[in-house]
N, C-alpha and C. Protein backbone atom coordinates (compact mmCIF):
# COMPACT_ATOMS: atom_id res chain seq x y z
N PHE A 1 -53.86 -20.87 1.42
CA PHE A 1 -52.60 -21.27 0.85
C PHE A 1 -52.88 -22.18 -0.34
N ALA A 2 -52.70 -21.64 -1.54
CA ALA A 2 -53.03 -22.39 -2.77
C ALA A 2 -51.92 -23.39 -3.10
N THR A 3 -52.32 -24.57 -3.48
CA THR A 3 -51.34 -25.60 -3.86
C THR A 3 -51.46 -25.97 -5.33
N SER A 4 -52.38 -25.35 -6.02
CA SER A 4 -52.52 -25.63 -7.45
C SER A 4 -53.02 -24.39 -8.16
N GLY A 5 -52.88 -24.40 -9.45
CA GLY A 5 -53.34 -23.28 -10.26
C GLY A 5 -53.96 -23.76 -11.55
N PHE A 6 -54.84 -22.95 -12.09
CA PHE A 6 -55.48 -23.25 -13.36
C PHE A 6 -55.13 -22.14 -14.33
N PHE A 7 -54.74 -22.52 -15.52
CA PHE A 7 -54.39 -21.55 -16.54
C PHE A 7 -55.18 -21.87 -17.80
N ILE A 8 -55.77 -20.86 -18.38
CA ILE A 8 -56.55 -21.03 -19.61
C ILE A 8 -55.93 -20.12 -20.66
N THR A 9 -55.60 -20.71 -21.80
CA THR A 9 -55.08 -19.93 -22.92
C THR A 9 -56.25 -19.67 -23.87
N MET A 10 -56.45 -18.42 -24.19
CA MET A 10 -57.55 -18.07 -25.08
C MET A 10 -57.02 -17.29 -26.27
N ASN A 11 -57.58 -17.55 -27.41
CA ASN A 11 -57.28 -16.81 -28.63
C ASN A 11 -58.58 -16.20 -29.13
N PRO A 12 -58.91 -15.01 -28.69
CA PRO A 12 -60.18 -14.42 -29.13
C PRO A 12 -60.22 -14.28 -30.65
N GLY A 13 -61.28 -14.73 -31.23
CA GLY A 13 -61.45 -14.60 -32.67
C GLY A 13 -60.72 -15.63 -33.50
N TYR A 14 -60.03 -16.57 -32.88
CA TYR A 14 -59.30 -17.59 -33.63
C TYR A 14 -60.30 -18.55 -34.26
N ALA A 15 -60.08 -18.89 -35.52
CA ALA A 15 -61.02 -19.71 -36.28
C ALA A 15 -61.25 -21.06 -35.61
N GLY A 16 -62.50 -21.42 -35.48
CA GLY A 16 -62.85 -22.74 -34.95
C GLY A 16 -62.91 -22.82 -33.44
N ARG A 17 -62.68 -21.74 -32.74
CA ARG A 17 -62.69 -21.76 -31.28
C ARG A 17 -63.92 -21.01 -30.76
N THR A 18 -64.41 -21.42 -29.61
CA THR A 18 -65.52 -20.72 -28.99
C THR A 18 -65.00 -19.89 -27.83
N GLU A 19 -65.73 -18.85 -27.50
CA GLU A 19 -65.36 -17.96 -26.40
C GLU A 19 -65.72 -18.59 -25.06
N LEU A 20 -64.95 -18.26 -24.05
CA LEU A 20 -65.24 -18.70 -22.68
C LEU A 20 -66.38 -17.83 -22.16
N PRO A 21 -67.37 -18.42 -21.52
CA PRO A 21 -68.49 -17.61 -20.98
C PRO A 21 -67.98 -16.58 -19.97
N ASP A 22 -68.69 -15.45 -19.89
CA ASP A 22 -68.27 -14.35 -19.01
C ASP A 22 -68.19 -14.75 -17.54
N ASN A 23 -69.10 -15.62 -17.07
CA ASN A 23 -69.06 -16.01 -15.67
C ASN A 23 -67.79 -16.80 -15.34
N LEU A 24 -67.22 -17.53 -16.31
CA LEU A 24 -65.95 -18.22 -16.10
C LEU A 24 -64.76 -17.27 -16.28
N LYS A 25 -64.89 -16.35 -17.23
CA LYS A 25 -63.81 -15.37 -17.44
C LYS A 25 -63.54 -14.57 -16.17
N ALA A 26 -64.60 -14.28 -15.42
CA ALA A 26 -64.46 -13.47 -14.22
C ALA A 26 -63.62 -14.16 -13.15
N LEU A 27 -63.48 -15.46 -13.22
CA LEU A 27 -62.72 -16.20 -12.22
C LEU A 27 -61.22 -16.20 -12.47
N PHE A 28 -60.79 -15.71 -13.62
CA PHE A 28 -59.38 -15.76 -13.99
C PHE A 28 -58.84 -14.35 -14.22
N ARG A 29 -57.57 -14.17 -13.91
CA ARG A 29 -56.91 -12.89 -14.12
C ARG A 29 -56.37 -12.86 -15.55
N PRO A 30 -56.67 -11.82 -16.31
CA PRO A 30 -56.18 -11.77 -17.71
C PRO A 30 -54.70 -11.41 -17.78
N VAL A 31 -54.04 -11.95 -18.77
CA VAL A 31 -52.66 -11.62 -19.07
C VAL A 31 -52.61 -11.28 -20.56
N THR A 32 -52.05 -10.16 -20.88
CA THR A 32 -52.00 -9.72 -22.27
C THR A 32 -50.72 -10.23 -22.93
N MET A 33 -50.87 -10.72 -24.14
CA MET A 33 -49.73 -11.21 -24.91
C MET A 33 -49.54 -10.27 -26.10
N ILE A 34 -48.35 -10.28 -26.66
CA ILE A 34 -48.09 -9.48 -27.85
C ILE A 34 -47.85 -10.40 -29.04
N VAL A 35 -47.95 -9.83 -30.21
CA VAL A 35 -47.68 -10.57 -31.44
C VAL A 35 -46.18 -10.85 -31.50
N PRO A 36 -45.79 -12.10 -31.76
CA PRO A 36 -44.35 -12.41 -31.79
C PRO A 36 -43.65 -11.74 -32.97
N ASP A 37 -42.38 -11.45 -32.79
CA ASP A 37 -41.56 -10.86 -33.85
C ASP A 37 -41.12 -12.00 -34.78
N LEU A 38 -41.86 -12.19 -35.86
CA LEU A 38 -41.60 -13.30 -36.77
C LEU A 38 -40.21 -13.23 -37.38
N LEU A 39 -39.73 -12.02 -37.63
CA LEU A 39 -38.41 -11.86 -38.25
C LEU A 39 -37.31 -12.40 -37.33
N LYS A 40 -37.35 -12.05 -36.07
CA LYS A 40 -36.32 -12.52 -35.14
C LYS A 40 -36.42 -14.03 -34.92
N ILE A 41 -37.65 -14.53 -34.84
CA ILE A 41 -37.84 -15.96 -34.66
C ILE A 41 -37.31 -16.72 -35.87
N ALA A 42 -37.64 -16.25 -37.08
CA ALA A 42 -37.18 -16.92 -38.30
C ALA A 42 -35.66 -16.85 -38.41
N GLU A 43 -35.09 -15.71 -38.08
CA GLU A 43 -33.63 -15.55 -38.16
C GLU A 43 -32.93 -16.53 -37.21
N ASN A 44 -33.41 -16.61 -35.98
CA ASN A 44 -32.78 -17.51 -35.01
C ASN A 44 -32.99 -18.98 -35.36
N MET A 45 -34.17 -19.30 -35.86
CA MET A 45 -34.41 -20.70 -36.25
C MET A 45 -33.54 -21.11 -37.43
N LEU A 46 -33.43 -20.23 -38.43
CA LEU A 46 -32.58 -20.54 -39.57
C LEU A 46 -31.13 -20.70 -39.12
N PHE A 47 -30.68 -19.82 -38.24
CA PHE A 47 -29.30 -19.92 -37.74
C PHE A 47 -29.10 -21.23 -36.99
N SER A 48 -30.08 -21.61 -36.18
CA SER A 48 -29.96 -22.86 -35.41
C SER A 48 -30.05 -24.09 -36.30
N GLU A 49 -30.65 -23.93 -37.48
CA GLU A 49 -30.73 -25.04 -38.45
C GLU A 49 -29.48 -25.10 -39.34
N GLY A 50 -28.53 -24.17 -39.14
CA GLY A 50 -27.28 -24.23 -39.87
C GLY A 50 -27.14 -23.26 -41.03
N PHE A 51 -28.05 -22.31 -41.16
CA PHE A 51 -27.98 -21.34 -42.25
C PHE A 51 -27.06 -20.19 -41.85
N ASN A 52 -26.07 -19.89 -42.68
CA ASN A 52 -25.15 -18.78 -42.41
C ASN A 52 -25.76 -17.43 -42.79
N GLU A 53 -26.62 -17.43 -43.80
CA GLU A 53 -27.26 -16.19 -44.28
C GLU A 53 -28.64 -16.03 -43.66
N SER A 54 -28.76 -16.34 -42.38
CA SER A 54 -30.08 -16.38 -41.75
C SER A 54 -30.79 -15.02 -41.73
N LYS A 55 -30.05 -13.95 -41.56
CA LYS A 55 -30.67 -12.62 -41.49
C LYS A 55 -31.37 -12.27 -42.81
N LYS A 56 -30.66 -12.43 -43.91
CA LYS A 56 -31.20 -12.11 -45.24
C LYS A 56 -32.36 -13.05 -45.59
N LEU A 57 -32.20 -14.33 -45.33
CA LEU A 57 -33.22 -15.31 -45.70
C LEU A 57 -34.47 -15.18 -44.83
N ALA A 58 -34.28 -14.85 -43.56
CA ALA A 58 -35.44 -14.66 -42.67
C ALA A 58 -36.29 -13.49 -43.16
N LYS A 59 -35.63 -12.43 -43.58
CA LYS A 59 -36.35 -11.26 -44.11
C LYS A 59 -37.18 -11.65 -45.32
N LYS A 60 -36.59 -12.42 -46.23
CA LYS A 60 -37.32 -12.84 -47.43
C LYS A 60 -38.53 -13.70 -47.06
N MET A 61 -38.35 -14.59 -46.11
CA MET A 61 -39.44 -15.48 -45.73
C MET A 61 -40.59 -14.71 -45.08
N VAL A 62 -40.26 -13.81 -44.17
CA VAL A 62 -41.30 -13.03 -43.49
C VAL A 62 -42.03 -12.13 -44.48
N VAL A 63 -41.30 -11.54 -45.41
CA VAL A 63 -41.93 -10.71 -46.44
C VAL A 63 -42.84 -11.56 -47.32
N LEU A 64 -42.40 -12.76 -47.69
CA LEU A 64 -43.23 -13.66 -48.50
C LEU A 64 -44.53 -13.99 -47.78
N TYR A 65 -44.45 -14.33 -46.50
CA TYR A 65 -45.67 -14.67 -45.75
C TYR A 65 -46.58 -13.45 -45.60
N LYS A 66 -45.99 -12.28 -45.40
CA LYS A 66 -46.78 -11.05 -45.27
C LYS A 66 -47.50 -10.74 -46.57
N LEU A 67 -46.77 -10.78 -47.68
CA LEU A 67 -47.37 -10.51 -48.99
C LEU A 67 -48.41 -11.57 -49.36
N SER A 68 -48.14 -12.81 -49.03
CA SER A 68 -49.10 -13.87 -49.32
C SER A 68 -50.39 -13.64 -48.55
N LYS A 69 -50.27 -13.26 -47.31
CA LYS A 69 -51.46 -13.01 -46.48
C LYS A 69 -52.28 -11.86 -47.05
N GLU A 70 -51.59 -10.84 -47.57
CA GLU A 70 -52.27 -9.67 -48.11
C GLU A 70 -52.85 -9.90 -49.50
N GLN A 71 -52.13 -10.66 -50.36
CA GLN A 71 -52.50 -10.71 -51.77
C GLN A 71 -53.24 -11.96 -52.21
N LEU A 72 -53.02 -13.08 -51.54
CA LEU A 72 -53.73 -14.30 -51.95
C LEU A 72 -55.17 -14.22 -51.48
N SER A 73 -56.02 -15.03 -52.08
CA SER A 73 -57.43 -15.02 -51.69
C SER A 73 -57.55 -15.47 -50.24
N LYS A 74 -58.63 -15.04 -49.61
CA LYS A 74 -58.85 -15.39 -48.20
C LYS A 74 -59.50 -16.78 -48.15
N GLN A 75 -58.74 -17.75 -47.67
CA GLN A 75 -59.24 -19.12 -47.55
C GLN A 75 -59.15 -19.53 -46.08
N PHE A 76 -60.11 -20.30 -45.65
CA PHE A 76 -60.18 -20.73 -44.26
C PHE A 76 -58.94 -21.52 -43.84
N HIS A 77 -58.39 -22.31 -44.76
CA HIS A 77 -57.27 -23.20 -44.41
C HIS A 77 -55.89 -22.56 -44.59
N TYR A 78 -55.80 -21.33 -45.08
CA TYR A 78 -54.50 -20.69 -45.23
C TYR A 78 -53.98 -20.28 -43.85
N ASP A 79 -52.70 -20.54 -43.61
CA ASP A 79 -52.07 -20.18 -42.34
C ASP A 79 -50.73 -19.53 -42.64
N PHE A 80 -50.61 -18.26 -42.30
CA PHE A 80 -49.35 -17.54 -42.50
C PHE A 80 -48.75 -17.11 -41.17
N GLY A 81 -49.09 -17.83 -40.13
CA GLY A 81 -48.63 -17.48 -38.80
C GLY A 81 -47.37 -18.22 -38.39
N LEU A 82 -47.09 -18.14 -37.10
CA LEU A 82 -45.88 -18.71 -36.54
C LEU A 82 -45.85 -20.23 -36.68
N ARG A 83 -46.98 -20.88 -36.50
CA ARG A 83 -47.01 -22.34 -36.59
C ARG A 83 -46.57 -22.82 -37.97
N SER A 84 -47.13 -22.22 -39.00
CA SER A 84 -46.77 -22.59 -40.37
C SER A 84 -45.32 -22.24 -40.67
N MET A 85 -44.90 -21.07 -40.24
CA MET A 85 -43.53 -20.63 -40.50
C MET A 85 -42.52 -21.56 -39.82
N LYS A 86 -42.80 -21.95 -38.59
CA LYS A 86 -41.89 -22.83 -37.87
C LYS A 86 -41.76 -24.18 -38.57
N THR A 87 -42.86 -24.71 -39.03
CA THR A 87 -42.84 -25.99 -39.75
C THR A 87 -41.95 -25.90 -40.99
N VAL A 88 -42.10 -24.83 -41.75
CA VAL A 88 -41.31 -24.64 -42.97
C VAL A 88 -39.83 -24.46 -42.63
N LEU A 89 -39.52 -23.75 -41.55
CA LEU A 89 -38.13 -23.54 -41.16
C LEU A 89 -37.46 -24.85 -40.76
N VAL A 90 -38.16 -25.69 -40.04
CA VAL A 90 -37.60 -26.99 -39.65
C VAL A 90 -37.37 -27.85 -40.90
N MET A 91 -38.34 -27.82 -41.84
CA MET A 91 -38.18 -28.56 -43.09
C MET A 91 -36.97 -28.03 -43.88
N ALA A 92 -36.77 -26.70 -43.87
CA ALA A 92 -35.63 -26.10 -44.57
C ALA A 92 -34.32 -26.60 -43.98
N GLY A 93 -34.27 -26.71 -42.65
CA GLY A 93 -33.06 -27.22 -42.01
C GLY A 93 -32.77 -28.65 -42.41
N GLY A 94 -33.81 -29.46 -42.48
CA GLY A 94 -33.63 -30.85 -42.91
C GLY A 94 -33.13 -30.94 -44.34
N LEU A 95 -33.69 -30.10 -45.22
CA LEU A 95 -33.26 -30.09 -46.62
C LEU A 95 -31.82 -29.60 -46.74
N LYS A 96 -31.46 -28.61 -45.93
CA LYS A 96 -30.08 -28.11 -45.98
C LYS A 96 -29.08 -29.19 -45.55
N ARG A 97 -29.42 -29.92 -44.52
CA ARG A 97 -28.52 -30.99 -44.07
C ARG A 97 -28.45 -32.13 -45.09
N ARG A 98 -29.53 -32.35 -45.80
CA ARG A 98 -29.57 -33.42 -46.79
C ARG A 98 -28.80 -33.07 -48.06
N PHE A 99 -28.89 -31.80 -48.48
CA PHE A 99 -28.22 -31.35 -49.70
C PHE A 99 -27.26 -30.22 -49.34
N LYS A 100 -26.15 -30.59 -48.75
CA LYS A 100 -25.17 -29.60 -48.26
C LYS A 100 -24.58 -28.75 -49.38
N GLU A 101 -24.55 -29.28 -50.61
CA GLU A 101 -23.91 -28.56 -51.70
C GLU A 101 -24.81 -27.46 -52.29
N LEU A 102 -26.11 -27.45 -51.99
CA LEU A 102 -27.00 -26.44 -52.55
C LEU A 102 -26.83 -25.10 -51.85
N PRO A 103 -26.93 -24.00 -52.60
CA PRO A 103 -26.88 -22.68 -51.97
C PRO A 103 -28.05 -22.51 -50.99
N GLU A 104 -27.82 -21.77 -49.92
CA GLU A 104 -28.84 -21.62 -48.88
C GLU A 104 -30.12 -20.98 -49.39
N ASP A 105 -30.00 -19.96 -50.25
CA ASP A 105 -31.21 -19.31 -50.75
C ASP A 105 -32.02 -20.25 -51.63
N LEU A 106 -31.36 -21.14 -52.36
CA LEU A 106 -32.07 -22.12 -53.18
C LEU A 106 -32.80 -23.13 -52.29
N VAL A 107 -32.16 -23.52 -51.20
CA VAL A 107 -32.80 -24.45 -50.26
C VAL A 107 -34.09 -23.84 -49.70
N LEU A 108 -33.99 -22.59 -49.25
CA LEU A 108 -35.17 -21.94 -48.67
C LEU A 108 -36.25 -21.71 -49.73
N MET A 109 -35.85 -21.27 -50.91
CA MET A 109 -36.82 -21.05 -51.98
C MET A 109 -37.56 -22.34 -52.31
N ARG A 110 -36.81 -23.42 -52.42
CA ARG A 110 -37.41 -24.71 -52.77
C ARG A 110 -38.40 -25.18 -51.70
N ILE A 111 -38.02 -25.05 -50.44
CA ILE A 111 -38.91 -25.53 -49.38
C ILE A 111 -40.13 -24.63 -49.24
N LEU A 112 -39.96 -23.32 -49.45
CA LEU A 112 -41.11 -22.41 -49.42
C LEU A 112 -42.10 -22.77 -50.52
N ARG A 113 -41.58 -23.06 -51.68
CA ARG A 113 -42.44 -23.44 -52.80
C ARG A 113 -43.11 -24.78 -52.55
N ASP A 114 -42.32 -25.79 -52.22
CA ASP A 114 -42.85 -27.15 -52.12
C ASP A 114 -43.75 -27.36 -50.91
N ALA A 115 -43.52 -26.61 -49.84
CA ALA A 115 -44.34 -26.78 -48.64
C ALA A 115 -45.64 -25.99 -48.70
N ASN A 116 -45.66 -24.93 -49.50
CA ASN A 116 -46.84 -24.07 -49.50
C ASN A 116 -47.79 -24.30 -50.67
N ILE A 117 -47.27 -24.59 -51.85
CA ILE A 117 -48.14 -24.72 -53.03
C ILE A 117 -49.25 -25.74 -52.84
N PRO A 118 -49.02 -26.89 -52.22
CA PRO A 118 -50.14 -27.84 -52.07
C PRO A 118 -51.31 -27.30 -51.25
N LYS A 119 -51.09 -26.27 -50.45
CA LYS A 119 -52.16 -25.71 -49.63
C LYS A 119 -53.05 -24.74 -50.40
N TYR A 120 -52.56 -24.20 -51.50
CA TYR A 120 -53.25 -23.11 -52.16
C TYR A 120 -54.25 -23.59 -53.20
N VAL A 121 -55.31 -22.79 -53.34
CA VAL A 121 -56.27 -23.07 -54.40
C VAL A 121 -55.61 -22.73 -55.74
N PHE A 122 -56.12 -23.33 -56.79
CA PHE A 122 -55.51 -23.23 -58.11
C PHE A 122 -55.24 -21.78 -58.53
N GLU A 123 -56.19 -20.89 -58.26
CA GLU A 123 -56.06 -19.50 -58.70
C GLU A 123 -54.92 -18.76 -57.99
N ASP A 124 -54.55 -19.18 -56.80
CA ASP A 124 -53.51 -18.49 -56.04
C ASP A 124 -52.09 -18.95 -56.36
N VAL A 125 -51.95 -20.10 -57.00
CA VAL A 125 -50.62 -20.65 -57.26
C VAL A 125 -49.76 -19.73 -58.13
N PRO A 126 -50.27 -19.22 -59.27
CA PRO A 126 -49.42 -18.33 -60.08
C PRO A 126 -49.00 -17.06 -59.33
N LEU A 127 -49.88 -16.51 -58.52
CA LEU A 127 -49.53 -15.31 -57.76
C LEU A 127 -48.45 -15.63 -56.73
N PHE A 128 -48.57 -16.77 -56.05
CA PHE A 128 -47.57 -17.17 -55.07
C PHE A 128 -46.21 -17.40 -55.74
N LEU A 129 -46.22 -18.08 -56.89
CA LEU A 129 -44.96 -18.30 -57.62
C LEU A 129 -44.35 -16.98 -58.07
N GLY A 130 -45.19 -16.02 -58.42
CA GLY A 130 -44.70 -14.69 -58.78
C GLY A 130 -44.03 -14.00 -57.60
N LEU A 131 -44.62 -14.15 -56.41
CA LEU A 131 -44.02 -13.58 -55.21
C LEU A 131 -42.65 -14.21 -54.93
N ILE A 132 -42.57 -15.53 -55.07
CA ILE A 132 -41.29 -16.21 -54.85
C ILE A 132 -40.25 -15.74 -55.87
N ASN A 133 -40.66 -15.61 -57.13
CA ASN A 133 -39.72 -15.15 -58.16
C ASN A 133 -39.26 -13.71 -57.90
N ASP A 134 -40.13 -12.88 -57.33
CA ASP A 134 -39.73 -11.51 -56.99
C ASP A 134 -38.73 -11.48 -55.84
N LEU A 135 -38.91 -12.37 -54.87
CA LEU A 135 -38.02 -12.38 -53.71
C LEU A 135 -36.71 -13.13 -53.97
N PHE A 136 -36.75 -14.06 -54.90
CA PHE A 136 -35.56 -14.83 -55.27
C PHE A 136 -35.32 -14.67 -56.77
N PRO A 137 -34.94 -13.45 -57.21
CA PRO A 137 -34.81 -13.21 -58.66
C PRO A 137 -33.66 -14.01 -59.28
N ARG A 138 -33.85 -14.35 -60.53
CA ARG A 138 -32.85 -15.07 -61.34
C ARG A 138 -32.46 -16.42 -60.75
N MET A 139 -33.30 -16.98 -59.91
CA MET A 139 -33.01 -18.31 -59.36
C MET A 139 -33.94 -19.31 -60.01
N LYS A 140 -33.36 -20.34 -60.52
CA LYS A 140 -34.14 -21.42 -61.12
C LYS A 140 -34.02 -22.63 -60.22
N CYS A 141 -35.15 -23.13 -59.82
CA CYS A 141 -35.16 -24.30 -58.93
C CYS A 141 -36.04 -25.36 -59.59
N PRO A 142 -35.42 -26.38 -60.16
CA PRO A 142 -36.22 -27.41 -60.83
C PRO A 142 -37.11 -28.14 -59.83
N LYS A 143 -38.27 -28.54 -60.32
CA LYS A 143 -39.18 -29.30 -59.47
C LYS A 143 -38.56 -30.66 -59.18
N VAL A 144 -38.88 -31.17 -58.01
CA VAL A 144 -38.38 -32.47 -57.62
C VAL A 144 -39.16 -33.52 -58.41
N GLY A 145 -38.44 -34.33 -59.15
CA GLY A 145 -39.09 -35.36 -59.95
C GLY A 145 -39.15 -36.68 -59.21
N HIS A 146 -40.24 -37.33 -59.37
CA HIS A 146 -40.42 -38.66 -58.78
C HIS A 146 -40.70 -39.61 -59.94
N GLU A 147 -39.66 -39.80 -60.76
CA GLU A 147 -39.83 -40.55 -61.99
C GLU A 147 -40.31 -41.98 -61.76
N VAL A 148 -39.70 -42.66 -60.80
CA VAL A 148 -40.06 -44.06 -60.55
C VAL A 148 -41.52 -44.14 -60.08
N LEU A 149 -41.89 -43.28 -59.17
CA LEU A 149 -43.27 -43.27 -58.68
C LEU A 149 -44.24 -42.94 -59.80
N SER A 150 -43.93 -41.91 -60.58
CA SER A 150 -44.80 -41.53 -61.69
C SER A 150 -44.95 -42.66 -62.71
N ARG A 151 -43.85 -43.33 -63.01
CA ARG A 151 -43.89 -44.43 -63.97
C ARG A 151 -44.76 -45.57 -63.44
N GLU A 152 -44.62 -45.92 -62.17
CA GLU A 152 -45.40 -47.01 -61.58
C GLU A 152 -46.89 -46.66 -61.52
N ILE A 153 -47.20 -45.43 -61.17
CA ILE A 153 -48.61 -45.01 -61.13
C ILE A 153 -49.19 -45.06 -62.54
N GLY A 154 -48.43 -44.56 -63.53
CA GLY A 154 -48.90 -44.60 -64.91
C GLY A 154 -49.14 -46.02 -65.40
N ALA A 155 -48.23 -46.92 -65.07
CA ALA A 155 -48.39 -48.33 -65.48
C ALA A 155 -49.62 -48.94 -64.83
N ASP A 156 -49.85 -48.65 -63.57
CA ASP A 156 -51.01 -49.20 -62.88
C ASP A 156 -52.31 -48.66 -63.47
N LEU A 157 -52.32 -47.36 -63.78
CA LEU A 157 -53.52 -46.77 -64.37
C LEU A 157 -53.79 -47.36 -65.76
N CYS A 158 -52.73 -47.54 -66.56
CA CYS A 158 -52.89 -48.13 -67.89
C CYS A 158 -53.42 -49.56 -67.79
N ASN A 159 -52.92 -50.32 -66.81
CA ASN A 159 -53.40 -51.69 -66.60
C ASN A 159 -54.88 -51.73 -66.23
N LYS A 160 -55.37 -50.66 -65.64
CA LYS A 160 -56.78 -50.61 -65.24
C LYS A 160 -57.65 -49.97 -66.31
N GLY A 161 -57.07 -49.69 -67.47
CA GLY A 161 -57.85 -49.17 -68.59
C GLY A 161 -57.91 -47.67 -68.72
N TYR A 162 -57.14 -46.94 -67.94
CA TYR A 162 -57.12 -45.49 -68.02
C TYR A 162 -56.06 -45.06 -69.03
N LYS A 163 -56.32 -43.93 -69.67
CA LYS A 163 -55.36 -43.37 -70.62
C LYS A 163 -54.44 -42.40 -69.85
N CYS A 164 -53.14 -42.60 -69.99
CA CYS A 164 -52.17 -41.80 -69.23
C CYS A 164 -51.46 -40.80 -70.14
N SER A 165 -51.06 -39.70 -69.55
CA SER A 165 -50.35 -38.65 -70.27
C SER A 165 -49.22 -38.14 -69.38
N ASN A 166 -48.14 -37.67 -69.98
CA ASN A 166 -47.03 -37.11 -69.22
C ASN A 166 -47.17 -35.60 -69.02
N ASP A 167 -48.28 -35.03 -69.43
CA ASP A 167 -48.47 -33.57 -69.31
C ASP A 167 -48.79 -33.16 -67.91
């Protein structure tokens, strides 16, 4: 009569993980998992975050992640899976609640751009921006300016003898 159980989650081939030795694997019953439906997850998360156009926007986001995975260079730190997508969706909900007057597609476009570009190597940024422009045509989203911060950093650098530029 068992009163406890042990469960081991394994991701074969997942970066940075080691395999469980065969003698330990034999002690556990395998359970097969399937790849999650990212489109349905994104649609439901967007809807729960308050997006009315969740179906259309979820499709754009999943297509962007799929194309990015296929077309951007292969880098160890790139993540186009559920974990990354969920983080971006939660951030999109926060931005939507903060800027209620912005159109929903602009909110998603902005968060996709701002959350992903810092992760990419320099060569991949123009390609990623091209993908965003293809999925969100004729949309202009100005970059978020941090004028006060930029001015203070520039003043501090100038005080320390560095030459500053606004380029």
